[in-house]
Amino acid sequence: MSVTGTSYKQPRPKGMASWRPQKRKRQLLNDIGAVLAEYRRFWPLTSRQVAYRLLSLDRYDKSESHFTQVGDALVRARRAGMVSWQAIRYDGIRRRGGGYEALDDLYDKISGLANDYQRNRQEGQAIYLEVWEAPCLFDQTAHADTN
């Protein structure tokens, strides 16, 4: 049973898992392998980069399902040892370490943010005036002939 309450007949295996892809998926994997070999010097690639490169083969259409299929195939192939883990990178949401060791650290952070806050003073003004000065032109304009 999943979090959503849906029951699955066979749960997906966790961790490294053997995989015997069907014929159509094997063609995709062969094409993926060719792309990874061709671009080995640029490793790691994202699944999206691989998917875009596959579009040039004219066997695939530019659709969300294509990108999903490539991503799913890469996940399964990596877990089955068919694709190197070093070949693909994931550029999704990254979590940064965070938190505070003490409540005072949090207060200091909030205080610093409040002190650094600046508001756009022109916001809501009917007229916005900008004056640009070019110091290198002062000498030239001082000697300009005004006649």
C-alpha atoms as a PDB file:
ATOM      1  CA  MET A   1       0.000   0.000   0.000  1.00  0.00           C
ATOM      2  CA  SER A   2       1.365   3.427  -0.931  1.00  0.00           C
ATOM      3  CA  VAL A   3       0.994   6.795   0.759  1.00  0.00           C
ATOM      4  CA  THR A   4      -1.874   7.596  -1.617  1.00  0.00           C
ATOM      5  CA  GLY A   5      -3.665   4.387  -0.700  1.00  0.00           C
ATOM      6  CA  THR A   6      -3.046   2.752  -4.094  1.00  0.00           C
ATOM      7  CA  SER A   7      -2.146  -0.925  -4.004  1.00  0.00           C
ATOM      8  CA  TYR A   8       0.421  -2.244  -6.442  1.00  0.00           C
ATOM      9  CA  LYS A   9       0.697  -5.873  -7.520  1.00  0.00           C
ATOM     10  CA  GLN A  10       4.469  -5.833  -7.568  1.00  0.00           C
ATOM     11  CA  PRO A  11       6.316  -3.101  -5.710  1.00  0.00           C
ATOM     12  CA  ARG A  12       9.328  -1.611  -7.446  1.00  0.00           C
ATOM     13  CA  PRO A  13      12.567  -3.164  -6.273  1.00  0.00           C
ATOM     14  CA  LYS A  14      14.808  -0.987  -4.163  1.00  0.00           C
ATOM     15  CA  GLY A  15      18.525  -0.397  -4.682  1.00  0.00           C
ATOM     16  CA  MET A  16      20.449  -2.317  -7.326  1.00  0.00           C
ATOM     17  CA  ALA A  17      18.038  -4.465  -9.323  1.00  0.00           C
ATOM     18  CA  SER A  18      18.340  -6.723 -12.316  1.00  0.00           C
ATOM     19  CA  TRP A  19      16.385  -5.673 -15.379  1.00  0.00           C
ATOM     20  CA  ARG A  20      15.493  -7.341 -18.638  1.00  0.00           C
ATOM     21  CA  PRO A  21      14.113  -4.557 -20.819  1.00  0.00           C
ATOM     22  CA  GLN A  22      11.707  -5.334 -23.640  1.00  0.00           C
ATOM     23  CA  LYS A  23      12.770  -4.953 -27.287  1.00  0.00           C
ATOM     24  CA  ARG A  24      11.563  -1.375 -27.671  1.00  0.00           C
ATOM     25  CA  LYS A  25      13.325  -0.311 -24.486  1.00  0.00           C
ATOM     26  CA  ARG A  26      16.497  -2.123 -25.606  1.00  0.00           C
ATOM     27  CA  GLN A  27      16.572   0.074 -28.733  1.00  0.00           C
ATOM     28  CA  LEU A  28      16.308   3.151 -26.519  1.00  0.00           C
ATOM     29  CA  LEU A  29      19.106   1.804 -24.292  1.00  0.00           C
ATOM     30  CA  ASN A  30      21.325   1.151 -27.320  1.00  0.00           C
ATOM     31  CA  ASP A  31      20.756   4.715 -28.471  1.00  0.00           C
ATOM     32  CA  ILE A  32      21.438   6.038 -24.965  1.00  0.00           C
ATOM     33  CA  GLY A  33      24.654   3.999 -24.862  1.00  0.00           C
ATOM     34  CA  ALA A  34      25.761   5.499 -28.170  1.00  0.00           C
ATOM     35  CA  VAL A  35      25.100   9.031 -26.891  1.00  0.00           C
ATOM     36  CA  LEU A  36      26.987   8.354 -23.661  1.00  0.00           C
ATOM     37  CA  ALA A  37      29.936   6.920 -25.591  1.00  0.00           C
ATOM     38  CA  GLU A  38      29.972   9.873 -27.993  1.00  0.00           C
ATOM     39  CA  TYR A  39      29.872  12.428 -25.169  1.00  0.00           C
ATOM     40  CA  ARG A  40      32.022  10.585 -22.629  1.00  0.00           C
ATOM     41  CA  ARG A  41      34.445  13.496 -22.300  1.00  0.00           C
ATOM     42  CA  PHE A  42      31.530  15.665 -21.102  1.00  0.00           C
ATOM     43  CA  TRP A  43      30.363  13.310 -18.367  1.00  0.00           C
ATOM     44  CA  PRO A  44      28.356  13.556 -16.273  1.00  0.00           C
ATOM     45  CA  LEU A  45      25.380  14.435 -18.467  1.00  0.00           C
ATOM     46  CA  THR A  46      21.816  15.069 -17.360  1.00  0.00           C
ATOM     47  CA  SER A  47      19.019  12.822 -18.565  1.00  0.00           C
ATOM     48  CA  ARG A  48      17.576  15.857 -20.335  1.00  0.00           C
ATOM     49  CA  GLN A  49      20.805  16.379 -22.287  1.00  0.00           C
ATOM     50  CA  VAL A  50      20.716  12.736 -23.359  1.00  0.00           C
ATOM     51  CA  ALA A  51      17.043  13.018 -24.339  1.00  0.00           C
ATOM     52  CA  TYR A  52      17.687  16.112 -26.467  1.00  0.00           C
ATOM     53  CA  ARG A  53      20.598  14.417 -28.215  1.00  0.00           C
ATOM     54  CA  LEU A  54      18.361  11.418 -28.976  1.00  0.00           C
ATOM     55  CA  LEU A  55      15.885  13.707 -30.749  1.00  0.00           C
ATOM     56  CA  SER A  56      18.421  14.208 -33.534  1.00  0.00           C
ATOM     57  CA  LEU A  57      18.101  10.515 -34.456  1.00  0.00           C
ATOM     58  CA  ASP A  58      14.584  11.137 -35.830  1.00  0.00           C
ATOM     59  CA  ARG A  59      13.314   8.039 -34.004  1.00  0.00           C
ATOM     60  CA  TYR A  60      11.908   9.991 -31.108  1.00  0.00           C
ATOM     61  CA  ASP A  61       9.419  12.814 -30.851  1.00  0.00           C
ATOM     62  CA  LYS A  62       9.852  15.866 -28.673  1.00  0.00           C
ATOM     63  CA  SER A  63       7.269  15.151 -26.032  1.00  0.00           C
ATOM     64  CA  GLU A  64       7.157  15.032 -22.289  1.00  0.00           C
ATOM     65  CA  SER A  65       6.715  11.256 -22.489  1.00  0.00           C
ATOM     66  CA  HIS A  66      10.021  10.974 -24.404  1.00  0.00           C
ATOM     67  CA  PHE A  67      11.889  12.832 -21.656  1.00  0.00           C
ATOM     68  CA  THR A  68      10.139  10.710 -19.019  1.00  0.00           C
ATOM     69  CA  GLN A  69      10.992   7.470 -20.844  1.00  0.00           C
ATOM     70  CA  VAL A  70      14.651   8.445 -21.148  1.00  0.00           C
ATOM     71  CA  GLY A  71      14.809   9.372 -17.465  1.00  0.00           C
ATOM     72  CA  ASP A  72      13.097   6.150 -16.387  1.00  0.00           C
ATOM     73  CA  ALA A  73      15.323   4.045 -18.645  1.00  0.00           C
ATOM     74  CA  LEU A  74      18.442   5.705 -17.228  1.00  0.00           C
ATOM     75  CA  VAL A  75      17.305   5.063 -13.664  1.00  0.00           C
ATOM     76  CA  ARG A  76      16.584   1.390 -14.346  1.00  0.00           C
ATOM     77  CA  ALA A  77      19.758   0.931 -16.418  1.00  0.00           C
ATOM     78  CA  ARG A  78      21.954   2.472 -13.742  1.00  0.00           C
ATOM     79  CA  ARG A  79      20.387   0.309 -11.058  1.00  0.00           C
ATOM     80  CA  ALA A  80      20.909  -2.772 -13.247  1.00  0.00           C
ATOM     81  CA  GLY A  81      24.564  -1.866 -13.889  1.00  0.00           C
ATOM     82  CA  MET A  82      23.981  -1.197 -17.596  1.00  0.00           C
ATOM     83  CA  VAL A  83      24.924   2.486 -17.379  1.00  0.00           C
ATOM     84  CA  SER A  84      27.760   3.903 -15.303  1.00  0.00           C
ATOM     85  CA  TRP A  85      26.753   5.947 -12.275  1.00  0.00           C
ATOM     86  CA  GLN A  86      29.421   8.460 -13.286  1.00  0.00           C
ATOM     87  CA  ALA A  87      27.749   9.057 -16.668  1.00  0.00           C
ATOM     88  CA  ILE A  88      24.615  10.771 -15.372  1.00  0.00           C
ATOM     89  CA  ARG A  89      24.127  13.632 -12.959  1.00  0.00           C
ATOM     90  CA  TYR A  90      20.953  14.863 -11.371  1.00  0.00           C
ATOM     91  CA  ASP A  91      20.442  18.624 -11.350  1.00  0.00           C
ATOM     92  CA  GLY A  92      17.164  18.623  -9.499  1.00  0.00           C
ATOM     93  CA  ILE A  93      16.383  20.372  -6.265  1.00  0.00           C
ATOM     94  CA  ARG A  94      19.353  20.440  -3.997  1.00  0.00           C
ATOM     95  CA  ARG A  95      18.987  20.646  -0.289  1.00  0.00           C
ATOM     96  CA  ARG A  96      21.549  22.681   1.501  1.00  0.00           C
ATOM     97  CA  GLY A  97      22.628  22.055   5.001  1.00  0.00           C
ATOM     98  CA  GLY A  98      20.765  24.342   7.273  1.00  0.00           C
ATOM     99  CA  GLY A  99      19.568  24.936  10.702  1.00  0.00           C
ATOM    100  CA  TYR A 100      21.006  26.793  13.597  1.00  0.00           C
ATOM    101  CA  GLU A 101      23.013  25.551  16.521  1.00  0.00           C
ATOM    102  CA  ALA A 102      21.284  27.883  18.944  1.00  0.00           C
ATOM    103  CA  LEU A 103      18.240  30.131  19.017  1.00  0.00           C
ATOM    104  CA  ASP A 104      20.518  33.177  19.189  1.00  0.00           C
ATOM    105  CA  ASP A 105      21.985  32.188  15.795  1.00  0.00           C
ATOM    106  CA  LEU A 106      18.483  32.297  14.305  1.00  0.00           C
ATOM    107  CA  TYR A 107      17.798  35.686  15.877  1.00  0.00           C
ATOM    108  CA  ASP A 108      21.117  37.024  14.528  1.00  0.00           C
ATOM    109  CA  LYS A 109      20.231  35.831  11.035  1.00  0.00           C
ATOM    110  CA  ILE A 110      16.761  37.428  11.152  1.00  0.00           C
ATOM    111  CA  SER A 111      18.204  40.650  12.575  1.00  0.00           C
ATOM    112  CA  GLY A 112      20.816  40.776   9.792  1.00  0.00           C
ATOM    113  CA  LEU A 113      18.145  40.263   7.125  1.00  0.00           C
ATOM    114  CA  ALA A 114      16.029  43.044   8.645  1.00  0.00           C
ATOM    115  CA  ASN A 115      18.995  45.437   8.827  1.00  0.00           C
ATOM    116  CA  ASP A 116      19.920  44.769   5.201  1.00  0.00           C
ATOM    117  CA  TYR A 117      16.370  45.235   3.903  1.00  0.00           C
ATOM    118  CA  GLN A 118      16.058  47.990   1.322  1.00  0.00           C
ATOM    119  CA  ARG A 119      12.929  49.152  -0.404  1.00  0.00           C
ATOM    120  CA  ASN A 120      12.700  50.530  -3.928  1.00  0.00           C
ATOM    121  CA  ARG A 121      12.060  54.209  -3.200  1.00  0.00           C
ATOM    122  CA  GLN A 122      10.829  54.881  -6.735  1.00  0.00           C
ATOM    123  CA  GLU A 123       8.092  52.267  -6.511  1.00  0.00           C
ATOM    124  CA  GLY A 124       4.708  53.911  -6.980  1.00  0.00           C
ATOM    125  CA  GLN A 125       6.190  57.231  -8.102  1.00  0.00           C
ATOM    126  CA  ALA A 126       4.659  58.904 -11.169  1.00  0.00           C
ATOM    127  CA  ILE A 127       8.064  60.100 -12.410  1.00  0.00           C
ATOM    128  CA  TYR A 128      11.318  58.203 -12.255  1.00  0.00           C
ATOM    129  CA  LEU A 129      14.445  60.271 -12.882  1.00  0.00           C
ATOM    130  CA  GLU A 130      17.911  58.869 -13.397  1.00  0.00           C
ATOM    131  CA  VAL A 131      21.021  61.017 -13.650  1.00  0.00           C
ATOM    132  CA  TRP A 132      24.101  59.537 -15.233  1.00  0.00           C
ATOM    133  CA  GLU A 133      27.465  61.155 -14.790  1.00  0.00           C
ATOM    134  CA  ALA A 134      30.422  60.362 -16.947  1.00  0.00           C
ATOM    135  CA  PRO A 135      33.493  61.739 -15.150  1.00  0.00           C
ATOM    136  CA  CYS A 136      35.652  61.182 -18.210  1.00  0.00           C
ATOM    137  CA  LEU A 137      33.562  63.769 -20.093  1.00  0.00           C
ATOM    138  CA  PHE A 138      33.963  66.631 -17.579  1.00  0.00           C
ATOM    139  CA  ASP A 139      37.194  67.892 -19.154  1.00  0.00           C
ATOM    140  CA  GLN A 140      35.715  67.754 -22.645  1.00  0.00           C
ATOM    141  CA  THR A 141      32.579  69.657 -21.750  1.00  0.00           C
ATOM    142  CA  ALA A 142      34.515  72.311 -19.818  1.00  0.00           C
ATOM    143  CA  HIS A 143      36.498  73.157 -22.939  1.00  0.00           C
ATOM    144  CA  ALA A 144      33.575  72.960 -25.352  1.00  0.00           C
ATOM    145  CA  ASP A 145      33.043  76.002 -27.576  1.00  0.00           C
ATOM    146  CA  THR A 146      29.760  77.558 -26.476  1.00  0.00           C
ATOM    147  CA  ASN A 147      29.574  80.004 -29.408  1.00  0.00           C
END
